[in-house]
Amino acid sequence: MKWTHPEGFEADDDATRIDVDVVHGFLSTSYWAPGIPREVVARSIAGSLNVGVFTADGEMVAFARAVTDRATFAWIADVFVVPEQRGHGLGKFVVATLLEHPELQGVRRVMLGTEDAHELYRRHGFTELAADGRMMGIRRDPADIYGRP
């Protein structure tokens, strides 16, 4: 499925268009996955619903993925815009297109984690979870898994 941004960028869910090198290049220096190996990134893309954003020349400049059963739950992950293309609203665009994807309609819980983009996600209806004691998780330091970058 394809979506068009007002400035001519194109969002596409075709996994064959995802540039694994671009995704790995960004994620390996991100705060949430420093040092992540390329093969781990490739496996994460293969197991997810992905949206890439591309210039008219086909260069991938933004990305987001959903880890999902496509029925009841989705976890939004690895959302980014390459620094050279920021300021065009592509973060909002890639999140909106992923959330609008037909395979996520009817999903009753969509979650994500962020350290610094709360306002971006609030625009799409996300709120901080109440500390009601129901949500639990296991967090592992990427450096313990992938080594120190």
C-alpha atoms as a PDB file:
ATOM      1  CA  MET A   1       0.000   0.000   0.000  1.00  0.00           C
ATOM      2  CA  LYS A   2       1.270   3.501  -0.789  1.00  0.00           C
ATOM      3  CA  TRP A   3       0.577   6.945   0.662  1.00  0.00           C
ATOM      4  CA  THR A   4       1.675  10.337  -0.697  1.00  0.00           C
ATOM      5  CA  HIS A   5       3.009  13.177   1.434  1.00  0.00           C
ATOM      6  CA  PRO A   6       2.099  16.761   0.382  1.00  0.00           C
ATOM      7  CA  GLU A   7       5.779  17.430  -0.432  1.00  0.00           C
ATOM      8  CA  GLY A   8       5.999  14.446  -2.794  1.00  0.00           C
ATOM      9  CA  PHE A   9       7.478  11.835  -0.464  1.00  0.00           C
ATOM     10  CA  GLU A  10       5.959   8.365  -0.739  1.00  0.00           C
ATOM     11  CA  ALA A  11       5.265   5.934   2.101  1.00  0.00           C
ATOM     12  CA  ASP A  12       5.178   2.284   1.137  1.00  0.00           C
ATOM     13  CA  ASP A  13       4.638  -0.959   3.065  1.00  0.00           C
ATOM     14  CA  ASP A  14       6.473  -3.069   0.462  1.00  0.00           C
ATOM     15  CA  ALA A  15       9.131  -4.827   2.575  1.00  0.00           C
ATOM     16  CA  THR A  16      11.347  -5.338  -0.477  1.00  0.00           C
ATOM     17  CA  ARG A  17      11.861  -1.560  -0.686  1.00  0.00           C
ATOM     18  CA  ILE A  18      13.126  -1.239   2.885  1.00  0.00           C
ATOM     19  CA  ASP A  19      16.823  -0.350   2.831  1.00  0.00           C
ATOM     20  CA  VAL A  20      18.214  -2.494   5.641  1.00  0.00           C
ATOM     21  CA  ASP A  21      21.498  -0.569   5.533  1.00  0.00           C
ATOM     22  CA  VAL A  22      19.691   2.734   6.210  1.00  0.00           C
ATOM     23  CA  VAL A  23      17.687   1.204   9.056  1.00  0.00           C
ATOM     24  CA  HIS A  24      20.769  -0.460  10.542  1.00  0.00           C
ATOM     25  CA  GLY A  25      22.839   2.704  10.156  1.00  0.00           C
ATOM     26  CA  PHE A  26      20.307   4.697  12.135  1.00  0.00           C
ATOM     27  CA  LEU A  27      19.446   2.109  14.774  1.00  0.00           C
ATOM     28  CA  SER A  28      23.040   1.132  15.527  1.00  0.00           C
ATOM     29  CA  THR A  29      23.639   4.665  16.829  1.00  0.00           C
ATOM     30  CA  SER A  30      20.203   5.207  18.403  1.00  0.00           C
ATOM     31  CA  TYR A  31      19.641   5.456  22.146  1.00  0.00           C
ATOM     32  CA  TRP A  32      17.405   2.370  22.108  1.00  0.00           C
ATOM     33  CA  ALA A  33      19.534  -0.081  20.079  1.00  0.00           C
ATOM     34  CA  PRO A  34      23.185   1.026  20.078  1.00  0.00           C
ATOM     35  CA  GLY A  35      25.438  -1.534  18.439  1.00  0.00           C
ATOM     36  CA  ILE A  36      22.591  -3.676  17.096  1.00  0.00           C
ATOM     37  CA  PRO A  37      23.938  -6.098  14.472  1.00  0.00           C
ATOM     38  CA  ARG A  38      22.721  -5.778  10.888  1.00  0.00           C
ATOM     39  CA  GLU A  39      21.411  -9.355  10.860  1.00  0.00           C
ATOM     40  CA  VAL A  40      19.215  -8.605  13.896  1.00  0.00           C
ATOM     41  CA  VAL A  41      17.798  -5.551  12.100  1.00  0.00           C
ATOM     42  CA  ALA A  42      17.097  -7.664   9.000  1.00  0.00           C
ATOM     43  CA  ARG A  43      15.251 -10.270  11.114  1.00  0.00           C
ATOM     44  CA  SER A  44      13.226  -7.561  12.869  1.00  0.00           C
ATOM     45  CA  ILE A  45      12.118  -6.148   9.524  1.00  0.00           C
ATOM     46  CA  ALA A  46      11.252  -9.621   8.211  1.00  0.00           C
ATOM     47  CA  GLY A  47       8.984 -10.244  11.207  1.00  0.00           C
ATOM     48  CA  SER A  48       7.190  -6.883  11.202  1.00  0.00           C
ATOM     49  CA  LEU A  49       4.720  -4.734   9.329  1.00  0.00           C
ATOM     50  CA  ASN A  50       6.981  -1.984   7.934  1.00  0.00           C
ATOM     51  CA  VAL A  51       6.506   1.434   6.394  1.00  0.00           C
ATOM     52  CA  GLY A  52       9.346   3.201   4.634  1.00  0.00           C
ATOM     53  CA  VAL A  53       9.218   6.783   3.382  1.00  0.00           C
ATOM     54  CA  PHE A  54      11.009   7.517   0.120  1.00  0.00           C
ATOM     55  CA  THR A  55      12.054  10.537  -1.908  1.00  0.00           C
ATOM     56  CA  ALA A  56      10.988  10.836  -5.553  1.00  0.00           C
ATOM     57  CA  ASP A  57      14.376   9.259  -6.403  1.00  0.00           C
ATOM     58  CA  GLY A  58      13.601   6.206  -4.255  1.00  0.00           C
ATOM     59  CA  GLU A  59      15.935   7.028  -1.364  1.00  0.00           C
ATOM     60  CA  MET A  60      14.563   5.812   1.976  1.00  0.00           C
ATOM     61  CA  VAL A  61      14.446   8.711   4.467  1.00  0.00           C
ATOM     62  CA  ALA A  62      12.097   7.527   7.234  1.00  0.00           C
ATOM     63  CA  PHE A  63      10.953   4.259   8.724  1.00  0.00           C
ATOM     64  CA  ALA A  64       8.587   2.735  11.282  1.00  0.00           C
ATOM     65  CA  ARG A  65       7.513  -0.799  12.020  1.00  0.00           C
ATOM     66  CA  ALA A  66       4.841  -2.591  13.979  1.00  0.00           C
ATOM     67  CA  VAL A  67       5.453  -5.863  15.742  1.00  0.00           C
ATOM     68  CA  THR A  68       1.937  -7.250  15.576  1.00  0.00           C
ATOM     69  CA  ASP A  69      -0.368 -10.228  15.373  1.00  0.00           C
ATOM     70  CA  ARG A  70      -2.512  -8.071  13.049  1.00  0.00           C
ATOM     71  CA  ALA A  71      -5.561  -8.879  15.174  1.00  0.00           C
ATOM     72  CA  THR A  72      -5.299  -7.681  18.781  1.00  0.00           C
ATOM     73  CA  PHE A  73      -1.904  -6.113  19.530  1.00  0.00           C
ATOM     74  CA  ALA A  74       0.787  -3.965  17.949  1.00  0.00           C
ATOM     75  CA  TRP A  75       4.042  -2.550  19.271  1.00  0.00           C
ATOM     76  CA  ILE A  76       5.323   0.448  17.290  1.00  0.00           C
ATOM     77  CA  ALA A  77       9.101   0.406  17.054  1.00  0.00           C
ATOM     78  CA  ASP A  78      12.163   1.894  15.378  1.00  0.00           C
ATOM     79  CA  VAL A  79      10.526   5.109  14.196  1.00  0.00           C
ATOM     80  CA  PHE A  80      13.011   7.539  12.693  1.00  0.00           C
ATOM     81  CA  VAL A  81      13.630  10.195  10.055  1.00  0.00           C
ATOM     82  CA  VAL A  82      17.166  10.607   8.738  1.00  0.00           C
ATOM     83  CA  PRO A  83      18.605  13.902  10.024  1.00  0.00           C
ATOM     84  CA  GLU A  84      18.983  15.413   6.535  1.00  0.00           C
ATOM     85  CA  GLN A  85      15.224  15.162   5.887  1.00  0.00           C
ATOM     86  CA  ARG A  86      13.852  16.407   9.192  1.00  0.00           C
ATOM     87  CA  GLY A  87      11.555  19.412   9.150  1.00  0.00           C
ATOM     88  CA  HIS A  88       9.158  18.088   6.494  1.00  0.00           C
ATOM     89  CA  GLY A  89       6.717  16.430   8.893  1.00  0.00           C
ATOM     90  CA  LEU A  90       7.933  12.969   7.948  1.00  0.00           C
ATOM     91  CA  GLY A  91       7.823  11.693  11.535  1.00  0.00           C
ATOM     92  CA  LYS A  92       4.126  12.503  11.713  1.00  0.00           C
ATOM     93  CA  PHE A  93       3.654  11.065   8.231  1.00  0.00           C
ATOM     94  CA  VAL A  94       5.347   7.713   8.867  1.00  0.00           C
ATOM     95  CA  VAL A  95       3.523   7.194  12.168  1.00  0.00           C
ATOM     96  CA  ALA A  96       0.161   8.176  10.636  1.00  0.00           C
ATOM     97  CA  THR A  97       0.592   5.845   7.667  1.00  0.00           C
ATOM     98  CA  LEU A  98       1.575   2.941   9.891  1.00  0.00           C
ATOM     99  CA  LEU A  99      -1.400   3.508  12.201  1.00  0.00           C
ATOM    100  CA  GLU A 100      -3.733   3.844   9.165  1.00  0.00           C
ATOM    101  CA  HIS A 101      -2.512   0.581   7.671  1.00  0.00           C
ATOM    102  CA  PRO A 102      -5.435  -1.775   6.958  1.00  0.00           C
ATOM    103  CA  GLU A 103      -3.747  -4.618   8.850  1.00  0.00           C
ATOM    104  CA  LEU A 104      -3.784  -2.591  12.076  1.00  0.00           C
ATOM    105  CA  GLN A 105      -7.440  -1.578  11.949  1.00  0.00           C
ATOM    106  CA  GLY A 106      -9.376  -3.165  14.793  1.00  0.00           C
ATOM    107  CA  VAL A 107      -6.268  -3.871  16.866  1.00  0.00           C
ATOM    108  CA  ARG A 108      -7.334  -3.128  20.427  1.00  0.00           C
ATOM    109  CA  ARG A 109      -3.948  -2.287  21.983  1.00  0.00           C
ATOM    110  CA  VAL A 110      -1.174  -0.312  20.295  1.00  0.00           C
ATOM    111  CA  MET A 111       1.868   0.457  22.420  1.00  0.00           C
ATOM    112  CA  LEU A 112       5.299   1.985  22.096  1.00  0.00           C
ATOM    113  CA  GLY A 113       8.136   3.326  24.156  1.00  0.00           C
ATOM    114  CA  THR A 114       9.854   6.678  23.713  1.00  0.00           C
ATOM    115  CA  GLU A 115      12.388   8.743  25.553  1.00  0.00           C
ATOM    116  CA  ASP A 116      11.990  11.974  23.625  1.00  0.00           C
ATOM    117  CA  ALA A 117       9.040  12.013  21.180  1.00  0.00           C
ATOM    118  CA  HIS A 118       6.014  12.139  23.476  1.00  0.00           C
ATOM    119  CA  GLU A 119       4.426  15.082  21.643  1.00  0.00           C
ATOM    120  CA  LEU A 120       4.693  13.332  18.277  1.00  0.00           C
ATOM    121  CA  TYR A 121       2.831  10.322  19.613  1.00  0.00           C
ATOM    122  CA  ARG A 122       0.255  12.341  21.563  1.00  0.00           C
ATOM    123  CA  ARG A 123      -0.833  13.831  18.206  1.00  0.00           C
ATOM    124  CA  HIS A 124      -1.791  10.311  17.194  1.00  0.00           C
ATOM    125  CA  GLY A 125      -3.764   9.525  20.345  1.00  0.00           C
ATOM    126  CA  PHE A 126      -1.097   7.892  22.506  1.00  0.00           C
ATOM    127  CA  THR A 127      -1.113   8.641  26.232  1.00  0.00           C
ATOM    128  CA  GLU A 128       1.171   7.602  29.070  1.00  0.00           C
ATOM    129  CA  LEU A 129      -0.047   4.420  30.710  1.00  0.00           C
ATOM    130  CA  ALA A 130      -1.433   4.712  34.204  1.00  0.00           C
ATOM    131  CA  ALA A 131       0.628   3.035  36.872  1.00  0.00           C
ATOM    132  CA  ASP A 132      -2.132   0.550  37.639  1.00  0.00           C
ATOM    133  CA  GLY A 133       0.187  -2.369  38.228  1.00  0.00           C
ATOM    134  CA  ARG A 134      -1.021  -4.380  35.227  1.00  0.00           C
ATOM    135  CA  MET A 135       1.688  -3.655  32.677  1.00  0.00           C
ATOM    136  CA  MET A 136       4.941  -5.509  33.151  1.00  0.00           C
ATOM    137  CA  GLY A 137       8.051  -5.979  31.090  1.00  0.00           C
ATOM    138  CA  ILE A 138      11.611  -7.197  30.913  1.00  0.00           C
ATOM    139  CA  ARG A 139      14.207  -4.658  29.847  1.00  0.00           C
ATOM    140  CA  ARG A 140      17.655  -5.712  28.739  1.00  0.00           C
ATOM    141  CA  ASP A 141      20.486  -3.278  28.074  1.00  0.00           C
ATOM    142  CA  PRO A 142      21.454  -3.387  24.366  1.00  0.00           C
ATOM    143  CA  ALA A 143      25.126  -3.281  25.387  1.00  0.00           C
ATOM    144  CA  ASP A 144      24.654  -6.551  27.289  1.00  0.00           C
ATOM    145  CA  ILE A 145      23.132  -8.179  24.213  1.00  0.00           C
ATOM    146  CA  TYR A 146      25.115  -6.654  21.325  1.00  0.00           C
ATOM    147  CA  GLY A 147      28.271  -5.520  23.114  1.00  0.00           C
ATOM    148  CA  ARG A 148      29.582  -2.022  23.595  1.00  0.00           C
ATOM    149  CA  PRO A 149      29.518   0.120  20.412  1.00  0.00           C
END
